[in-house]
Amino acid sequence: MHVTSAFAEFERSLIAERTRAGIAAARRRGARIGRPPARLDDNGLRDLKDQGLSVRAIAATMGCGSSTVQRRIGLRERDG
């Protein structure tokens, strides 16, 4: 049992090492790692907020998350 778990741990470390090497190689090639940023019109978000829409309604209208809306228009309180 101990030998099997030792091999599993070794294999897991190899996988992690290969993953880190792959990400580093992609960055050297100029690839962008991670989720792309949301492309939103910040002025449009503020206009919708000025019209009285909630953060969740704005997010649904713009097709993004409510945390993105809050971050972009500078809200910190919970608006629902």
PDB file of N, CA and C in Angstrom:
ATOM      1  N   MET A   1       0.820  -1.183   0.000  1.00  0.00           N
ATOM      2  CA  MET A   1       0.000   0.000   0.000  1.00  0.00           C
ATOM      3  C   MET A   1       0.874   1.260   0.000  1.00  0.00           C
ATOM      4  N   HIS A   2       1.911   1.271   0.808  1.00  0.00           N
ATOM      5  CA  HIS A   2       2.790   2.439   0.879  1.00  0.00           C
ATOM      6  C   HIS A   2       3.541   2.653  -0.430  1.00  0.00           C
ATOM      7  N   VAL A   3       3.948   1.568  -1.057  1.00  0.00           N
ATOM      8  CA  VAL A   3       4.673   1.682  -2.324  1.00  0.00           C
ATOM      9  C   VAL A   3       3.756   2.256  -3.400  1.00  0.00           C
ATOM     10  N   THR A   4       2.526   1.803  -3.435  1.00  0.00           N
ATOM     11  CA  THR A   4       1.560   2.308  -4.413  1.00  0.00           C
ATOM     12  C   THR A   4       1.304   3.793  -4.206  1.00  0.00           C
ATOM     13  N   SER A   5       1.126   4.217  -2.959  1.00  0.00           N
ATOM     14  CA  SER A   5       0.876   5.633  -2.704  1.00  0.00           C
ATOM     15  C   SER A   5       2.118   6.467  -3.005  1.00  0.00           C
ATOM     16  N   ALA A   6       3.303   5.918  -2.812  1.00  0.00           N
ATOM     17  CA  ALA A   6       4.528   6.638  -3.144  1.00  0.00           C
ATOM     18  C   ALA A   6       4.622   6.861  -4.651  1.00  0.00           C
ATOM     19  N   PHE A   7       4.270   5.849  -5.437  1.00  0.00           N
ATOM     20  CA  PHE A   7       4.264   6.006  -6.891  1.00  0.00           C
ATOM     21  C   PHE A   7       3.223   7.022  -7.327  1.00  0.00           C
ATOM     22  N   ALA A   8       2.059   6.992  -6.695  1.00  0.00           N
ATOM     23  CA  ALA A   8       1.006   7.947  -7.034  1.00  0.00           C
ATOM     24  C   ALA A   8       1.458   9.375  -6.731  1.00  0.00           C
ATOM     25  N   GLU A   9       2.097   9.577  -5.604  1.00  0.00           N
ATOM     26  CA  GLU A   9       2.591  10.897  -5.238  1.00  0.00           C
ATOM     27  C   GLU A   9       3.672  11.357  -6.219  1.00  0.00           C
ATOM     28  N   PHE A  10       4.555  10.442  -6.607  1.00  0.00           N
ATOM     29  CA  PHE A  10       5.598  10.767  -7.575  1.00  0.00           C
ATOM     30  C   PHE A  10       4.989  11.157  -8.919  1.00  0.00           C
ATOM     31  N   GLU A  11       4.010  10.396  -9.377  1.00  0.00           N
ATOM     32  CA  GLU A  11       3.350  10.683 -10.652  1.00  0.00           C
ATOM     33  C   GLU A  11       2.644  12.032 -10.594  1.00  0.00           C
ATOM     34  N   ARG A  12       2.013  12.325  -9.473  1.00  0.00           N
ATOM     35  CA  ARG A  12       1.329  13.606  -9.314  1.00  0.00           C
ATOM     36  C   ARG A  12       2.321  14.767  -9.399  1.00  0.00           C
ATOM     37  N   SER A  13       3.490  14.618  -8.813  1.00  0.00           N
ATOM     38  CA  SER A  13       4.492  15.679  -8.885  1.00  0.00           C
ATOM     39  C   SER A  13       5.005  15.850 -10.313  1.00  0.00           C
ATOM     40  N   LEU A  14       5.121  14.742 -11.052  1.00  0.00           N
ATOM     41  CA  LEU A  14       5.531  14.840 -12.456  1.00  0.00           C
ATOM     42  C   LEU A  14       4.491  15.584 -13.287  1.00  0.00           C
ATOM     43  N   ILE A  15       3.227  15.292 -13.046  1.00  0.00           N
ATOM     44  CA  ILE A  15       2.149  15.973 -13.775  1.00  0.00           C
ATOM     45  C   ILE A  15       2.195  17.472 -13.494  1.00  0.00           C
ATOM     46  N   ALA A  16       2.356  17.835 -12.224  1.00  0.00           N
ATOM     47  CA  ALA A  16       2.410  19.252 -11.859  1.00  0.00           C
ATOM     48  C   ALA A  16       3.615  19.932 -12.507  1.00  0.00           C
ATOM     49  N   GLU A  17       4.741  19.253 -12.533  1.00  0.00           N
ATOM     50  CA  GLU A  17       5.943  19.811 -13.140  1.00  0.00           C
ATOM     51  C   GLU A  17       5.752  20.026 -14.640  1.00  0.00           C
ATOM     52  N   ARG A  18       5.151  19.040 -15.312  1.00  0.00           N
ATOM     53  CA  ARG A  18       4.896  19.176 -16.749  1.00  0.00           C
ATOM     54  C   ARG A  18       3.914  20.305 -17.031  1.00  0.00           C
ATOM     55  N   THR A  19       2.915  20.458 -16.179  1.00  0.00           N
ATOM     56  CA  THR A  19       1.938  21.531 -16.357  1.00  0.00           C
ATOM     57  C   THR A  19       2.607  22.894 -16.227  1.00  0.00           C
ATOM     58  N   ARG A  20       3.420  23.068 -15.196  1.00  0.00           N
ATOM     59  CA  ARG A  20       4.133  24.343 -15.012  1.00  0.00           C
ATOM     60  C   ARG A  20       5.060  24.620 -16.189  1.00  0.00           C
ATOM     61  N   ALA A  21       5.746  23.588 -16.695  1.00  0.00           N
ATOM     62  CA  ALA A  21       6.642  23.764 -17.837  1.00  0.00           C
ATOM     63  C   ALA A  21       5.855  24.151 -19.087  1.00  0.00           C
ATOM     64  N   GLY A  22       4.699  23.555 -19.277  1.00  0.00           N
ATOM     65  CA  GLY A  22       3.867  23.878 -20.436  1.00  0.00           C
ATOM     66  C   GLY A  22       3.354  25.306 -20.394  1.00  0.00           C
ATOM     67  N   ILE A  23       2.939  25.757 -19.216  1.00  0.00           N
ATOM     68  CA  ILE A  23       2.462  27.129 -19.074  1.00  0.00           C
ATOM     69  C   ILE A  23       3.602  28.112 -19.306  1.00  0.00           C
ATOM     70  N   ALA A  24       4.782  27.809 -18.773  1.00  0.00           N
ATOM     71  CA  ALA A  24       5.945  28.682 -18.979  1.00  0.00           C
ATOM     72  C   ALA A  24       6.316  28.752 -20.460  1.00  0.00           C
ATOM     73  N   ALA A  25       6.266  27.624 -21.157  1.00  0.00           N
ATOM     74  CA  ALA A  25       6.583  27.616 -22.586  1.00  0.00           C
ATOM     75  C   ALA A  25       5.562  28.430 -23.370  1.00  0.00           C
ATOM     76  N   ALA A  26       4.291  28.322 -23.003  1.00  0.00           N
ATOM     77  CA  ALA A  26       3.243  29.084 -23.684  1.00  0.00           C
ATOM     78  C   ALA A  26       3.445  30.584 -23.467  1.00  0.00           C
ATOM     79  N   ARG A  27       3.815  30.962 -22.246  1.00  0.00           N
ATOM     80  CA  ARG A  27       4.071  32.386 -21.969  1.00  0.00           C
ATOM     81  C   ARG A  27       5.263  32.891 -22.781  1.00  0.00           C
ATOM     82  N   ARG A  28       6.294  32.073 -22.922  1.00  0.00           N
ATOM     83  CA  ARG A  28       7.450  32.482 -23.725  1.00  0.00           C
ATOM     84  C   ARG A  28       7.053  32.681 -25.186  1.00  0.00           C
ATOM     85  N   ARG A  29       6.102  31.891 -25.660  1.00  0.00           N
ATOM     86  CA  ARG A  29       5.619  32.046 -27.035  1.00  0.00           C
ATOM     87  C   ARG A  29       4.686  33.235 -27.178  1.00  0.00           C
ATOM     88  N   GLY A  30       4.308  33.834 -26.059  1.00  0.00           N
ATOM     89  CA  GLY A  30       3.442  35.012 -26.116  1.00  0.00           C
ATOM     90  C   GLY A  30       1.972  34.701 -25.937  1.00  0.00           C
ATOM     91  N   ALA A  31       1.652  33.471 -25.587  1.00  0.00           N
ATOM     92  CA  ALA A  31       0.253  33.113 -25.377  1.00  0.00           C
ATOM     93  C   ALA A  31      -0.267  33.761 -24.110  1.00  0.00           C
ATOM     94  N   ARG A  32      -1.514  34.141 -24.129  1.00  0.00           N
ATOM     95  CA  ARG A  32      -2.140  34.733 -22.960  1.00  0.00           C
ATOM     96  C   ARG A  32      -2.766  33.612 -22.153  1.00  0.00           C
ATOM     97  N   ILE A  33      -2.405  33.521 -20.891  1.00  0.00           N
ATOM     98  CA  ILE A  33      -2.879  32.450 -20.021  1.00  0.00           C
ATOM     99  C   ILE A  33      -4.072  32.954 -19.219  1.00  0.00           C
ATOM    100  N   GLY A  34      -5.101  32.144 -19.110  1.00  0.00           N
ATOM    101  CA  GLY A  34      -6.250  32.502 -18.276  1.00  0.00           C
ATOM    102  C   GLY A  34      -7.445  32.952 -19.090  1.00  0.00           C
ATOM    103  N   ARG A  35      -8.469  33.296 -18.368  1.00  0.00           N
ATOM    104  CA  ARG A  35      -9.716  33.721 -18.990  1.00  0.00           C
ATOM    105  C   ARG A  35      -9.548  35.117 -19.590  1.00  0.00           C
ATOM    106  N   PRO A  36     -10.085  35.339 -20.790  1.00  0.00           N
ATOM    107  CA  PRO A  36      -9.968  36.674 -21.384  1.00  0.00           C
ATOM    108  C   PRO A  36     -10.827  37.680 -20.613  1.00  0.00           C
ATOM    109  N   PRO A  37     -10.406  38.934 -20.566  1.00  0.00           N
ATOM    110  CA  PRO A  37     -11.190  39.929 -19.851  1.00  0.00           C
ATOM    111  C   PRO A  37     -12.520  40.210 -20.554  1.00  0.00           C
ATOM    112  N   ALA A  38     -13.524  40.557 -19.765  1.00  0.00           N
ATOM    113  CA  ALA A  38     -14.838  40.877 -20.329  1.00  0.00           C
ATOM    114  C   ALA A  38     -14.744  42.205 -21.078  1.00  0.00           C
ATOM    115  N   ARG A  39     -15.286  42.238 -22.276  1.00  0.00           N
ATOM    116  CA  ARG A  39     -15.272  43.464 -23.070  1.00  0.00           C
ATOM    117  C   ARG A  39     -16.619  44.149 -22.879  1.00  0.00           C
ATOM    118  N   LEU A  40     -16.602  45.192 -22.059  1.00  0.00           N
ATOM    119  CA  LEU A  40     -17.828  45.912 -21.744  1.00  0.00           C
ATOM    120  C   LEU A  40     -17.597  47.409 -21.882  1.00  0.00           C
ATOM    121  N   ASP A  41     -18.682  48.109 -22.169  1.00  0.00           N
ATOM    122  CA  ASP A  41     -18.653  49.563 -22.234  1.00  0.00           C
ATOM    123  C   ASP A  41     -18.951  50.098 -20.840  1.00  0.00           C
ATOM    124  N   ASP A  42     -17.931  50.648 -20.179  1.00  0.00           N
ATOM    125  CA  ASP A  42     -18.116  51.135 -18.812  1.00  0.00           C
ATOM    126  C   ASP A  42     -19.131  52.269 -18.739  1.00  0.00           C
ATOM    127  N   ASN A  43     -19.144  53.138 -19.739  1.00  0.00           N
ATOM    128  CA  ASN A  43     -20.124  54.230 -19.749  1.00  0.00           C
ATOM    129  C   ASN A  43     -21.542  53.679 -19.890  1.00  0.00           C
ATOM    130  N   GLY A  44     -21.682  52.626 -20.695  1.00  0.00           N
ATOM    131  CA  GLY A  44     -22.993  51.986 -20.842  1.00  0.00           C
ATOM    132  C   GLY A  44     -23.458  51.364 -19.539  1.00  0.00           C
ATOM    133  N   LEU A  45     -22.524  50.788 -18.798  1.00  0.00           N
ATOM    134  CA  LEU A  45     -22.874  50.222 -17.496  1.00  0.00           C
ATOM    135  C   LEU A  45     -23.365  51.304 -16.549  1.00  0.00           C
ATOM    136  N   ARG A  46     -22.664  52.430 -16.526  1.00  0.00           N
ATOM    137  CA  ARG A  46     -23.072  53.534 -15.646  1.00  0.00           C
ATOM    138  C   ARG A  46     -24.411  54.117 -16.072  1.00  0.00           C
ATOM    139  N   ASP A  47     -24.643  54.193 -17.391  1.00  0.00           N
ATOM    140  CA  ASP A  47     -25.935  54.694 -17.877  1.00  0.00           C
ATOM    141  C   ASP A  47     -27.075  53.800 -17.414  1.00  0.00           C
ATOM    142  N   LEU A  48     -26.874  52.489 -17.495  1.00  0.00           N
ATOM    143  CA  LEU A  48     -27.909  51.562 -17.035  1.00  0.00           C
ATOM    144  C   LEU A  48     -28.126  51.702 -15.532  1.00  0.00           C
ATOM    145  N   LYS A  49     -27.065  51.909 -14.779  1.00  0.00           N
ATOM    146  CA  LYS A  49     -27.187  52.092 -13.336  1.00  0.00           C
ATOM    147  C   LYS A  49     -27.938  53.382 -13.027  1.00  0.00           C
ATOM    148  N   ASP A  50     -27.658  54.443 -13.803  1.00  0.00           N
ATOM    149  CA  ASP A  50     -28.356  55.719 -13.613  1.00  0.00           C
ATOM    150  C   ASP A  50     -29.839  55.611 -13.945  1.00  0.00           C
ATOM    151  N   GLN A  51     -30.197  54.660 -14.812  1.00  0.00           N
ATOM    152  CA  GLN A  51     -31.603  54.433 -15.147  1.00  0.00           C
ATOM    153  C   GLN A  51     -32.340  53.690 -14.040  1.00  0.00           C
ATOM    154  N   GLY A  52     -31.608  53.254 -13.032  1.00  0.00           N
ATOM    155  CA  GLY A  52     -32.230  52.605 -11.888  1.00  0.00           C
ATOM    156  C   GLY A  52     -32.187  51.087 -11.919  1.00  0.00           C
ATOM    157  N   LEU A  53     -31.486  50.511 -12.876  1.00  0.00           N
ATOM    158  CA  LEU A  53     -31.394  49.056 -12.933  1.00  0.00           C
ATOM    159  C   LEU A  53     -30.484  48.543 -11.831  1.00  0.00           C
ATOM    160  N   SER A  54     -30.798  47.366 -11.325  1.00  0.00           N
ATOM    161  CA  SER A  54     -29.960  46.745 -10.306  1.00  0.00           C
ATOM    162  C   SER A  54     -28.708  46.170 -10.966  1.00  0.00           C
ATOM    163  N   VAL A  55     -27.735  45.854 -10.134  1.00  0.00           N
ATOM    164  CA  VAL A  55     -26.491  45.280 -10.641  1.00  0.00           C
ATOM    165  C   VAL A  55     -26.774  43.967 -11.355  1.00  0.00           C
ATOM    166  N   ARG A  56     -27.650  43.156 -10.772  1.00  0.00           N
ATOM    167  CA  ARG A  56     -27.977  41.870 -11.405  1.00  0.00           C
ATOM    168  C   ARG A  56     -28.683  42.057 -12.737  1.00  0.00           C
ATOM    169  N   ALA A  57     -29.568  43.050 -12.826  1.00  0.00           N
ATOM    170  CA  ALA A  57     -30.266  43.316 -14.083  1.00  0.00           C
ATOM    171  C   ALA A  57     -29.282  43.815 -15.145  1.00  0.00           C
ATOM    172  N   ILE A  58     -28.356  44.666 -14.730  1.00  0.00           N
ATOM    173  CA  ILE A  58     -27.336  45.148 -15.674  1.00  0.00           C
ATOM    174  C   ILE A  58     -26.489  43.982 -16.162  1.00  0.00           C
ATOM    175  N   ALA A  59     -26.104  43.110 -15.243  1.00  0.00           N
ATOM    176  CA  ALA A  59     -25.281  41.955 -15.610  1.00  0.00           C
ATOM    177  C   ALA A  59     -26.017  41.061 -16.605  1.00  0.00           C
ATOM    178  N   ALA A  60     -27.297  40.837 -16.366  1.00  0.00           N
ATOM    179  CA  ALA A  60     -28.085  40.001 -17.286  1.00  0.00           C
ATOM    180  C   ALA A  60     -28.200  40.674 -18.655  1.00  0.00           C
ATOM    181  N   THR A  61     -28.382  41.979 -18.665  1.00  0.00           N
ATOM    182  CA  THR A  61     -28.502  42.726 -19.918  1.00  0.00           C
ATOM    183  C   THR A  61     -27.204  42.689 -20.716  1.00  0.00           C
ATOM    184  N   MET A  62     -26.096  42.862 -20.013  1.00  0.00           N
ATOM    185  CA  MET A  62     -24.793  42.940 -20.681  1.00  0.00           C
ATOM    186  C   MET A  62     -24.167  41.565 -20.914  1.00  0.00           C
ATOM    187  N   GLY A  63     -24.732  40.524 -20.286  1.00  0.00           N
ATOM    188  CA  GLY A  63     -24.194  39.175 -20.490  1.00  0.00           C
ATOM    189  C   GLY A  63     -22.898  38.921 -19.752  1.00  0.00           C
ATOM    190  N   CYS A  64     -22.800  39.434 -18.531  1.00  0.00           N
ATOM    191  CA  CYS A  64     -21.599  39.215 -17.734  1.00  0.00           C
ATOM    192  C   CYS A  64     -22.016  38.939 -16.295  1.00  0.00           C
ATOM    193  N   GLY A  65     -21.064  38.785 -15.405  1.00  0.00           N
ATOM    194  CA  GLY A  65     -21.362  38.520 -14.014  1.00  0.00           C
ATOM    195  C   GLY A  65     -21.606  39.800 -13.228  1.00  0.00           C
ATOM    196  N   SER A  66     -22.351  39.674 -12.137  1.00  0.00           N
ATOM    197  CA  SER A  66     -22.641  40.854 -11.328  1.00  0.00           C
ATOM    198  C   SER A  66     -21.377  41.410 -10.671  1.00  0.00           C
ATOM    199  N   SER A  67     -20.426  40.542 -10.341  1.00  0.00           N
ATOM    200  CA  SER A  67     -19.183  41.050  -9.748  1.00  0.00           C
ATOM    201  C   SER A  67     -18.399  41.889 -10.753  1.00  0.00           C
ATOM    202  N   THR A  68     -18.476  41.531 -12.025  1.00  0.00           N
ATOM    203  CA  THR A  68     -17.825  42.330 -13.062  1.00  0.00           C
ATOM    204  C   THR A  68     -18.448  43.711 -13.136  1.00  0.00           C
ATOM    205  N   VAL A  69     -19.778  43.765 -13.079  1.00  0.00           N
ATOM    206  CA  VAL A  69     -20.482  45.049 -13.116  1.00  0.00           C
ATOM    207  C   VAL A  69     -20.090  45.890 -11.908  1.00  0.00           C
ATOM    208  N   GLN A  70     -20.101  45.284 -10.728  1.00  0.00           N
ATOM    209  CA  GLN A  70     -19.748  46.022  -9.520  1.00  0.00           C
ATOM    210  C   GLN A  70     -18.328  46.571  -9.600  1.00  0.00           C
ATOM    211  N   ARG A  71     -17.415  45.765 -10.082  1.00  0.00           N
ATOM    212  CA  ARG A  71     -16.024  46.191 -10.188  1.00  0.00           C
ATOM    213  C   ARG A  71     -15.884  47.336 -11.187  1.00  0.00           C
ATOM    214  N   ARG A  72     -16.578  47.243 -12.316  1.00  0.00           N
ATOM    215  CA  ARG A  72     -16.433  48.242 -13.368  1.00  0.00           C
ATOM    216  C   ARG A  72     -17.059  49.585 -13.012  1.00  0.00           C
ATOM    217  N   ILE A  73     -18.196  49.575 -12.321  1.00  0.00           N
ATOM    218  CA  ILE A  73     -18.845  50.852 -12.017  1.00  0.00           C
ATOM    219  C   ILE A  73     -18.508  51.340 -10.617  1.00  0.00           C
ATOM    220  N   GLY A  74     -17.674  50.605  -9.910  1.00  0.00           N
ATOM    221  CA  GLY A  74     -17.166  51.078  -8.635  1.00  0.00           C
ATOM    222  C   GLY A  74     -18.116  50.889  -7.477  1.00  0.00           C
ATOM    223  N   LEU A  75     -19.022  49.929  -7.571  1.00  0.00           N
ATOM    224  CA  LEU A  75     -19.931  49.663  -6.453  1.00  0.00           C
ATOM    225  C   LEU A  75     -19.300  48.665  -5.510  1.00  0.00           C
ATOM    226  N   ARG A  76     -19.524  48.828  -4.255  1.00  0.00           N
ATOM    227  CA  ARG A  76     -19.023  47.877  -3.272  1.00  0.00           C
ATOM    228  C   ARG A  76     -20.168  47.225  -2.496  1.00  0.00           C
ATOM    229  N   GLU A  77     -21.290  47.926  -2.373  1.00  0.00           N
ATOM    230  CA  GLU A  77     -22.407  47.342  -1.622  1.00  0.00           C
ATOM    231  C   GLU A  77     -23.119  46.307  -2.466  1.00  0.00           C
ATOM    232  N   ARG A  78     -23.852  45.432  -1.818  1.00  0.00           N
ATOM    233  CA  ARG A  78     -24.594  44.389  -2.534  1.00  0.00           C
ATOM    234  C   ARG A  78     -25.883  44.996  -3.042  1.00  0.00           C
ATOM    235  N   ASP A  79     -26.102  44.853  -4.328  1.00  0.00           N
ATOM    236  CA  ASP A  79     -27.287  45.409  -4.975  1.00  0.00           C
ATOM    237  C   ASP A  79     -28.019  44.274  -5.676  1.00  0.00           C
ATOM    238  N   GLY A  80     -29.247  44.107  -5.436  1.00  0.00           N
ATOM    239  CA  GLY A  80     -29.925  42.974  -6.024  1.00  0.00           C
ATOM    240  C   GLY A  80     -31.178  43.321  -6.650  1.00  0.00           C
TER     241      GLY A  80
END
